[in-house]
Amino acid sequence: MGKINNTAAYASSTPTSNTLLIGSEQAGGATKNYLVSEISAFLNLNPTLSTLSVTGNATIGGTLGVTGATTLGNASVTNTLGVAGATTMTTAQVNSLTVVSTATVVLSAFDDDAAAGAGGLTSGRLYQTTGAGAAPLNTAGIVMVKQ
C-alpha cells in the first residue's frame, strides 16, 4: 500500500460535500471516515475565534456577536448591529443599532452648514459646531443636521 503523500498512487482532486476524509477519534484512536459536508456543518455550527482580523470586505449571513473591545473602520450594516463592550467606529452606516450600556458618538466639527458641505458631509448627516461660525452658531458643540 502506498503512502498518502504519494501523489502517483493517490491522485489529487477537488473535494465535494460527499468526499470522505480519514481521521481518528481522540479517545481510543479508532480510524473513522468523515464526509466533508459533516466537517463543514460542524465548523459552521461551532466557530470559536479569539481574534478576527478582516482586510477588505466581509459578508456575514447571520449574527456576529462581539463581546469585548471592537474597532470598525468603515462599517455598513444592513440589519442590526449589537455590541457589548467598547467599540470604536470611524465611519458607520447602520439601519438599527443596539447599545447595551453607553454609546459615545464623536461628531465632525464645522463652522456652519456650508462648511460641513464643503468638508464632504452629505444631507441628513449630523455634525457639531466649532464655535467659530456666525451667531447663533458661535457656540461650540451645537449638534446640527446637514441640510
N, C-alpha and C. Protein backbone atom coordinates (compact mmCIF):
# COMPACT_ATOMS: atom_id res chain seq x y z
N MET A 1 0.85 -1.17 0.00
CA MET A 1 0.00 0.00 0.00
C MET A 1 0.89 1.24 0.00
N GLY A 2 0.58 2.23 -0.85
CA GLY A 2 1.36 3.45 -0.93
C GLY A 2 1.08 4.38 0.23
N LYS A 3 1.97 5.32 0.42
CA LYS A 3 1.78 6.33 1.46
C LYS A 3 0.81 7.40 0.95
N ILE A 4 0.12 8.04 1.87
CA ILE A 4 -0.88 9.04 1.49
C ILE A 4 -0.26 10.18 0.70
N ASN A 5 0.97 10.56 0.98
CA ASN A 5 1.59 11.68 0.27
C ASN A 5 2.18 11.25 -1.08
N ASN A 6 1.98 10.02 -1.48
CA ASN A 6 2.44 9.52 -2.79
C ASN A 6 1.39 9.90 -3.83
N THR A 7 1.60 11.05 -4.53
CA THR A 7 0.61 11.54 -5.47
C THR A 7 0.50 10.69 -6.73
N ALA A 8 1.49 9.82 -6.98
CA ALA A 8 1.38 8.90 -8.12
C ALA A 8 0.37 7.80 -7.80
N ALA A 9 0.35 7.35 -6.56
CA ALA A 9 -0.59 6.30 -6.14
C ALA A 9 -1.96 6.87 -5.81
N TYR A 10 -1.99 8.10 -5.29
CA TYR A 10 -3.24 8.74 -4.86
C TYR A 10 -3.34 10.10 -5.55
N ALA A 11 -4.16 10.19 -6.58
CA ALA A 11 -4.28 11.43 -7.36
C ALA A 11 -4.95 12.52 -6.53
N SER A 12 -4.57 13.77 -6.80
CA SER A 12 -5.20 14.92 -6.15
C SER A 12 -6.55 15.19 -6.81
N SER A 13 -7.48 15.73 -6.05
CA SER A 13 -8.79 16.10 -6.60
C SER A 13 -9.38 17.22 -5.76
N THR A 14 -10.40 17.86 -6.29
CA THR A 14 -11.10 18.90 -5.56
C THR A 14 -12.19 18.25 -4.73
N PRO A 15 -12.19 18.48 -3.41
CA PRO A 15 -13.20 17.81 -2.58
C PRO A 15 -14.60 18.36 -2.84
N THR A 16 -15.60 17.51 -2.67
CA THR A 16 -17.00 17.89 -2.72
C THR A 16 -17.61 17.57 -1.37
N SER A 17 -18.88 17.85 -1.21
CA SER A 17 -19.53 17.57 0.07
C SER A 17 -19.57 16.07 0.37
N ASN A 18 -19.47 15.22 -0.67
CA ASN A 18 -19.51 13.77 -0.49
C ASN A 18 -18.12 13.13 -0.38
N THR A 19 -17.07 13.94 -0.41
CA THR A 19 -15.72 13.41 -0.29
C THR A 19 -15.49 12.90 1.13
N LEU A 20 -14.86 11.75 1.24
CA LEU A 20 -14.53 11.19 2.55
C LEU A 20 -13.11 11.58 2.94
N LEU A 21 -12.95 11.96 4.20
CA LEU A 21 -11.63 12.22 4.77
C LEU A 21 -11.40 11.20 5.87
N ILE A 22 -10.18 10.79 6.02
CA ILE A 22 -9.83 9.82 7.06
C ILE A 22 -9.35 10.57 8.29
N GLY A 23 -9.82 10.15 9.44
CA GLY A 23 -9.40 10.76 10.69
C GLY A 23 -9.47 9.74 11.80
N SER A 24 -9.20 10.17 12.99
CA SER A 24 -9.29 9.26 14.13
C SER A 24 -9.91 9.98 15.31
N GLU A 25 -10.60 9.18 16.14
CA GLU A 25 -11.18 9.73 17.35
C GLU A 25 -10.08 9.98 18.36
N GLN A 26 -10.22 11.03 19.13
CA GLN A 26 -9.20 11.36 20.13
C GLN A 26 -9.11 10.26 21.18
N ALA A 27 -10.26 9.83 21.68
CA ALA A 27 -10.28 8.78 22.69
C ALA A 27 -10.22 7.42 21.99
N GLY A 28 -9.21 6.65 22.23
CA GLY A 28 -9.08 5.32 21.67
C GLY A 28 -8.39 5.27 20.32
N GLY A 29 -8.40 6.35 19.57
CA GLY A 29 -7.69 6.43 18.30
C GLY A 29 -8.28 5.62 17.17
N ALA A 30 -9.56 5.24 17.26
CA ALA A 30 -10.18 4.46 16.19
C ALA A 30 -10.22 5.27 14.90
N THR A 31 -9.87 4.63 13.78
CA THR A 31 -9.89 5.29 12.48
C THR A 31 -11.33 5.41 11.99
N LYS A 32 -11.67 6.61 11.47
CA LYS A 32 -13.04 6.88 11.02
C LYS A 32 -12.99 7.58 9.67
N ASN A 33 -14.09 7.49 8.92
CA ASN A 33 -14.29 8.26 7.70
C ASN A 33 -15.22 9.42 8.02
N TYR A 34 -14.89 10.62 7.54
CA TYR A 34 -15.70 11.80 7.75
C TYR A 34 -16.04 12.42 6.41
N LEU A 35 -17.32 12.76 6.19
CA LEU A 35 -17.72 13.47 4.99
C LEU A 35 -17.33 14.94 5.11
N VAL A 36 -16.88 15.53 4.03
CA VAL A 36 -16.55 16.95 4.03
C VAL A 36 -17.77 17.76 4.46
N SER A 37 -18.97 17.37 4.03
CA SER A 37 -20.20 18.09 4.40
C SER A 37 -20.41 18.07 5.92
N GLU A 38 -20.07 16.96 6.58
CA GLU A 38 -20.21 16.87 8.04
C GLU A 38 -19.20 17.77 8.75
N ILE A 39 -17.99 17.80 8.22
CA ILE A 39 -16.97 18.67 8.80
C ILE A 39 -17.35 20.13 8.61
N SER A 40 -17.84 20.46 7.42
CA SER A 40 -18.27 21.82 7.13
C SER A 40 -19.39 22.27 8.06
N ALA A 41 -20.39 21.39 8.25
CA ALA A 41 -21.50 21.70 9.15
C ALA A 41 -21.01 21.90 10.58
N PHE A 42 -20.10 21.04 11.03
CA PHE A 42 -19.56 21.17 12.37
C PHE A 42 -18.84 22.51 12.55
N LEU A 43 -18.04 22.90 11.59
CA LEU A 43 -17.29 24.15 11.69
C LEU A 43 -18.22 25.36 11.65
N ASN A 44 -19.28 25.30 10.85
CA ASN A 44 -20.22 26.41 10.78
C ASN A 44 -21.05 26.54 12.04
N LEU A 45 -21.33 25.44 12.72
CA LEU A 45 -22.14 25.48 13.93
C LEU A 45 -21.31 25.81 15.18
N ASN A 46 -20.02 25.59 15.12
CA ASN A 46 -19.20 25.73 16.32
C ASN A 46 -17.97 26.61 16.11
N PRO A 47 -18.13 27.79 15.48
CA PRO A 47 -16.92 28.60 15.31
C PRO A 47 -16.54 29.28 16.61
N THR A 48 -15.29 29.23 16.95
CA THR A 48 -14.77 29.92 18.11
C THR A 48 -13.53 30.68 17.67
N LEU A 49 -13.60 31.99 17.73
CA LEU A 49 -12.48 32.83 17.30
C LEU A 49 -12.00 33.65 18.48
N SER A 50 -10.72 33.69 18.69
CA SER A 50 -10.20 34.57 19.73
C SER A 50 -9.86 35.93 19.12
N THR A 51 -9.48 35.94 17.84
CA THR A 51 -9.16 37.17 17.14
C THR A 51 -9.66 37.04 15.71
N LEU A 52 -10.32 38.07 15.21
CA LEU A 52 -10.77 38.09 13.82
C LEU A 52 -10.27 39.38 13.21
N SER A 53 -9.44 39.25 12.20
CA SER A 53 -8.93 40.42 11.50
C SER A 53 -9.31 40.29 10.04
N VAL A 54 -10.06 41.27 9.54
CA VAL A 54 -10.53 41.22 8.16
C VAL A 54 -9.97 42.42 7.42
N THR A 55 -9.30 42.15 6.32
CA THR A 55 -8.82 43.21 5.44
C THR A 55 -9.62 43.09 4.15
N GLY A 56 -10.26 44.17 3.75
CA GLY A 56 -11.12 44.11 2.57
C GLY A 56 -12.56 44.00 3.01
N ASN A 57 -13.36 43.27 2.26
CA ASN A 57 -14.79 43.15 2.53
C ASN A 57 -15.10 41.80 3.16
N ALA A 58 -16.09 41.79 4.03
CA ALA A 58 -16.55 40.54 4.64
C ALA A 58 -18.06 40.56 4.69
N THR A 59 -18.68 39.44 4.40
CA THR A 59 -20.13 39.31 4.46
C THR A 59 -20.45 38.24 5.48
N ILE A 60 -21.31 38.59 6.42
CA ILE A 60 -21.75 37.64 7.43
C ILE A 60 -23.24 37.44 7.22
N GLY A 61 -23.64 36.21 6.95
CA GLY A 61 -25.02 35.93 6.62
C GLY A 61 -25.91 35.69 7.82
N GLY A 62 -25.40 35.80 8.99
CA GLY A 62 -26.20 35.57 10.19
C GLY A 62 -25.91 36.64 11.22
N THR A 63 -25.62 36.24 12.42
CA THR A 63 -25.38 37.15 13.52
C THR A 63 -23.91 37.13 13.91
N LEU A 64 -23.34 38.29 14.07
CA LEU A 64 -21.99 38.41 14.59
C LEU A 64 -22.11 39.06 15.96
N GLY A 65 -21.85 38.30 16.98
CA GLY A 65 -21.90 38.82 18.34
C GLY A 65 -20.49 39.10 18.82
N VAL A 66 -20.28 40.28 19.36
CA VAL A 66 -18.96 40.68 19.80
C VAL A 66 -19.02 41.04 21.28
N THR A 67 -18.17 40.43 22.07
CA THR A 67 -18.04 40.78 23.48
C THR A 67 -16.60 41.23 23.68
N GLY A 68 -16.42 42.43 24.14
CA GLY A 68 -15.08 42.97 24.30
C GLY A 68 -14.86 44.15 23.39
N ALA A 69 -13.64 44.62 23.33
CA ALA A 69 -13.31 45.80 22.54
C ALA A 69 -13.38 45.48 21.05
N THR A 70 -13.93 46.41 20.29
CA THR A 70 -14.11 46.24 18.85
C THR A 70 -13.70 47.52 18.15
N THR A 71 -12.99 47.40 17.05
CA THR A 71 -12.66 48.56 16.23
C THR A 71 -13.15 48.30 14.82
N LEU A 72 -13.99 49.19 14.31
CA LEU A 72 -14.50 49.10 12.95
C LEU A 72 -14.05 50.33 12.19
N GLY A 73 -13.41 50.13 11.06
CA GLY A 73 -13.01 51.26 10.23
C GLY A 73 -14.22 51.84 9.55
N ASN A 74 -14.64 51.24 8.46
CA ASN A 74 -15.86 51.63 7.75
C ASN A 74 -16.82 50.46 7.84
N ALA A 75 -18.02 50.70 8.37
CA ALA A 75 -18.97 49.61 8.55
C ALA A 75 -20.30 49.97 7.91
N SER A 76 -20.87 49.04 7.20
CA SER A 76 -22.20 49.19 6.65
C SER A 76 -22.99 47.96 7.09
N VAL A 77 -24.01 48.17 7.89
CA VAL A 77 -24.78 47.07 8.46
C VAL A 77 -26.20 47.15 7.92
N THR A 78 -26.67 46.08 7.28
CA THR A 78 -28.00 46.08 6.68
C THR A 78 -29.10 45.93 7.72
N ASN A 79 -28.90 45.07 8.69
CA ASN A 79 -29.94 44.85 9.69
C ASN A 79 -29.55 45.48 11.02
N THR A 80 -29.23 44.69 12.01
CA THR A 80 -28.97 45.20 13.35
C THR A 80 -27.53 44.94 13.76
N LEU A 81 -26.92 45.94 14.37
CA LEU A 81 -25.59 45.79 14.94
C LEU A 81 -25.74 45.89 16.45
N GLY A 82 -25.38 44.83 17.15
CA GLY A 82 -25.43 44.82 18.60
C GLY A 82 -24.03 44.61 19.14
N VAL A 83 -23.60 45.48 20.04
CA VAL A 83 -22.25 45.40 20.56
C VAL A 83 -22.29 45.51 22.08
N ALA A 84 -21.61 44.57 22.76
CA ALA A 84 -21.45 44.65 24.20
C ALA A 84 -19.96 44.83 24.46
N GLY A 85 -19.57 45.98 24.89
CA GLY A 85 -18.15 46.26 25.11
C GLY A 85 -17.76 47.55 24.40
N ALA A 86 -16.52 47.94 24.57
CA ALA A 86 -16.04 49.19 23.98
C ALA A 86 -15.91 49.02 22.47
N THR A 87 -16.43 49.97 21.72
CA THR A 87 -16.40 49.90 20.26
C THR A 87 -15.99 51.25 19.70
N THR A 88 -15.06 51.21 18.77
CA THR A 88 -14.65 52.41 18.06
C THR A 88 -15.01 52.24 16.61
N MET A 89 -15.79 53.19 16.06
CA MET A 89 -16.16 53.15 14.66
C MET A 89 -15.73 54.44 14.00
N THR A 90 -14.97 54.33 12.92
CA THR A 90 -14.56 55.51 12.19
C THR A 90 -15.73 56.03 11.37
N THR A 91 -16.28 55.19 10.51
CA THR A 91 -17.44 55.53 9.70
C THR A 91 -18.38 54.35 9.74
N ALA A 92 -19.65 54.62 10.00
CA ALA A 92 -20.61 53.51 10.04
C ALA A 92 -21.94 53.94 9.45
N GLN A 93 -22.55 53.03 8.72
CA GLN A 93 -23.90 53.22 8.22
C GLN A 93 -24.69 52.03 8.74
N VAL A 94 -25.56 52.29 9.70
CA VAL A 94 -26.28 51.22 10.37
C VAL A 94 -27.76 51.55 10.36
N ASN A 95 -28.59 50.58 9.95
CA ASN A 95 -30.03 50.80 9.97
C ASN A 95 -30.59 50.75 11.38
N SER A 96 -30.07 49.87 12.21
CA SER A 96 -30.53 49.74 13.58
C SER A 96 -29.32 49.44 14.46
N LEU A 97 -29.16 50.18 15.54
CA LEU A 97 -28.03 50.00 16.44
C LEU A 97 -28.54 49.75 17.85
N THR A 98 -28.13 48.65 18.43
CA THR A 98 -28.49 48.33 19.80
C THR A 98 -27.27 48.58 20.68
N VAL A 99 -27.42 49.46 21.66
CA VAL A 99 -26.33 49.75 22.59
C VAL A 99 -26.71 49.16 23.93
N VAL A 100 -25.83 48.30 24.46
CA VAL A 100 -26.12 47.61 25.71
C VAL A 100 -25.99 48.54 26.90
N SER A 101 -24.96 49.37 26.93
CA SER A 101 -24.80 50.25 28.08
C SER A 101 -24.64 51.71 27.67
N THR A 102 -23.50 52.10 27.16
CA THR A 102 -23.22 53.50 26.85
C THR A 102 -22.65 53.62 25.45
N ALA A 103 -23.06 54.65 24.74
CA ALA A 103 -22.51 54.91 23.42
C ALA A 103 -21.92 56.31 23.41
N THR A 104 -20.73 56.44 22.88
CA THR A 104 -20.10 57.74 22.70
C THR A 104 -19.98 57.99 21.21
N VAL A 105 -20.57 59.08 20.75
CA VAL A 105 -20.54 59.42 19.33
C VAL A 105 -19.66 60.65 19.17
N VAL A 106 -18.64 60.55 18.34
CA VAL A 106 -17.77 61.68 18.07
C VAL A 106 -18.18 62.25 16.73
N LEU A 107 -18.64 63.49 16.73
CA LEU A 107 -19.10 64.14 15.51
C LEU A 107 -18.02 65.04 14.94
N SER A 108 -17.98 65.12 13.62
CA SER A 108 -17.08 66.07 12.97
C SER A 108 -17.56 67.47 13.30
N ALA A 109 -16.63 68.43 13.37
CA ALA A 109 -16.98 69.80 13.72
C ALA A 109 -16.78 70.73 12.53
N PHE A 110 -17.78 71.60 12.31
CA PHE A 110 -17.74 72.59 11.22
C PHE A 110 -18.30 73.90 11.73
N ASP A 111 -17.92 75.00 11.08
CA ASP A 111 -18.42 76.32 11.47
C ASP A 111 -19.92 76.44 11.25
N ASP A 112 -20.41 75.92 10.12
CA ASP A 112 -21.82 76.03 9.76
C ASP A 112 -22.15 75.00 8.68
N ASP A 113 -23.40 75.07 8.17
CA ASP A 113 -23.87 74.12 7.19
C ASP A 113 -23.04 74.15 5.90
N ALA A 114 -22.68 75.35 5.44
CA ALA A 114 -21.88 75.48 4.22
C ALA A 114 -20.50 74.84 4.40
N ALA A 115 -19.89 75.05 5.55
CA ALA A 115 -18.59 74.46 5.82
C ALA A 115 -18.68 72.93 5.92
N ALA A 116 -19.80 72.44 6.48
CA ALA A 116 -20.00 71.00 6.58
C ALA A 116 -20.09 70.39 5.18
N GLY A 117 -20.82 71.06 4.27
CA GLY A 117 -20.93 70.59 2.89
C GLY A 117 -19.59 70.62 2.18
N ALA A 118 -18.84 71.69 2.39
CA ALA A 118 -17.52 71.82 1.77
C ALA A 118 -16.57 70.76 2.33
N GLY A 119 -16.83 70.32 3.54
CA GLY A 119 -16.00 69.29 4.17
C GLY A 119 -16.40 67.88 3.79
N GLY A 120 -17.42 67.74 2.92
CA GLY A 120 -17.81 66.43 2.42
C GLY A 120 -19.01 65.80 3.11
N LEU A 121 -19.60 66.50 4.07
CA LEU A 121 -20.77 65.96 4.76
C LEU A 121 -21.98 66.03 3.83
N THR A 122 -22.77 64.96 3.79
CA THR A 122 -23.95 64.93 2.92
C THR A 122 -25.21 65.21 3.73
N SER A 123 -26.27 65.53 3.03
CA SER A 123 -27.55 65.88 3.64
C SER A 123 -28.04 64.79 4.59
N GLY A 124 -28.53 65.21 5.75
CA GLY A 124 -29.07 64.27 6.74
C GLY A 124 -28.05 63.79 7.76
N ARG A 125 -26.78 64.11 7.58
CA ARG A 125 -25.72 63.67 8.50
C ARG A 125 -25.59 64.67 9.65
N LEU A 126 -25.19 64.16 10.82
CA LEU A 126 -25.01 65.00 11.99
C LEU A 126 -23.60 65.57 12.03
N TYR A 127 -23.49 66.79 12.56
CA TYR A 127 -22.19 67.40 12.84
C TYR A 127 -22.36 68.32 14.03
N GLN A 128 -21.25 68.81 14.56
CA GLN A 128 -21.32 69.77 15.66
C GLN A 128 -20.62 71.06 15.24
N THR A 129 -21.02 72.15 15.88
CA THR A 129 -20.42 73.44 15.54
C THR A 129 -19.07 73.60 16.22
N THR A 130 -18.19 74.38 15.58
CA THR A 130 -16.87 74.65 16.14
C THR A 130 -16.88 75.82 17.11
N GLY A 131 -17.87 76.69 16.97
CA GLY A 131 -17.92 77.91 17.78
C GLY A 131 -17.36 79.10 17.02
N ALA A 132 -16.81 78.86 15.83
CA ALA A 132 -16.23 79.94 15.03
C ALA A 132 -17.20 80.47 13.99
N GLY A 133 -18.42 79.95 13.96
CA GLY A 133 -19.41 80.40 12.98
C GLY A 133 -20.09 81.68 13.44
N ALA A 134 -20.90 82.24 12.54
CA ALA A 134 -21.67 83.45 12.86
C ALA A 134 -22.78 83.10 13.83
N ALA A 135 -23.20 84.08 14.66
CA ALA A 135 -24.29 83.86 15.61
C ALA A 135 -25.53 83.40 14.85
N PRO A 136 -26.25 82.47 15.34
CA PRO A 136 -26.19 81.86 16.66
C PRO A 136 -25.28 80.63 16.75
N LEU A 137 -24.46 80.37 15.73
CA LEU A 137 -23.60 79.19 15.72
C LEU A 137 -22.21 79.48 16.28
N ASN A 138 -22.11 80.49 17.13
CA ASN A 138 -20.82 80.87 17.69
C ASN A 138 -20.55 80.18 19.03
N THR A 139 -21.24 79.08 19.27
CA THR A 139 -21.02 78.26 20.46
C THR A 139 -20.59 76.87 19.99
N ALA A 140 -19.48 76.38 20.50
CA ALA A 140 -19.00 75.05 20.11
C ALA A 140 -19.90 73.96 20.67
N GLY A 141 -20.09 72.89 19.88
CA GLY A 141 -20.79 71.71 20.38
C GLY A 141 -22.28 71.66 20.09
N ILE A 142 -22.83 72.62 19.32
CA ILE A 142 -24.24 72.54 18.96
C ILE A 142 -24.38 71.44 17.89
N VAL A 143 -25.24 70.46 18.16
CA VAL A 143 -25.43 69.36 17.21
C VAL A 143 -26.40 69.82 16.12
N MET A 144 -25.95 69.65 14.87
CA MET A 144 -26.71 70.12 13.72
C MET A 144 -26.93 68.97 12.74
N VAL A 145 -27.94 69.10 11.88
CA VAL A 145 -28.19 68.16 10.81
C VAL A 145 -27.88 68.87 9.50
N LYS A 146 -26.99 68.28 8.70
CA LYS A 146 -26.61 68.89 7.42
C LYS A 146 -27.85 68.94 6.52
N GLN A 147 -28.15 70.13 6.01
CA GLN A 147 -29.32 70.35 5.15
C GLN A 147 -29.01 70.06 3.70
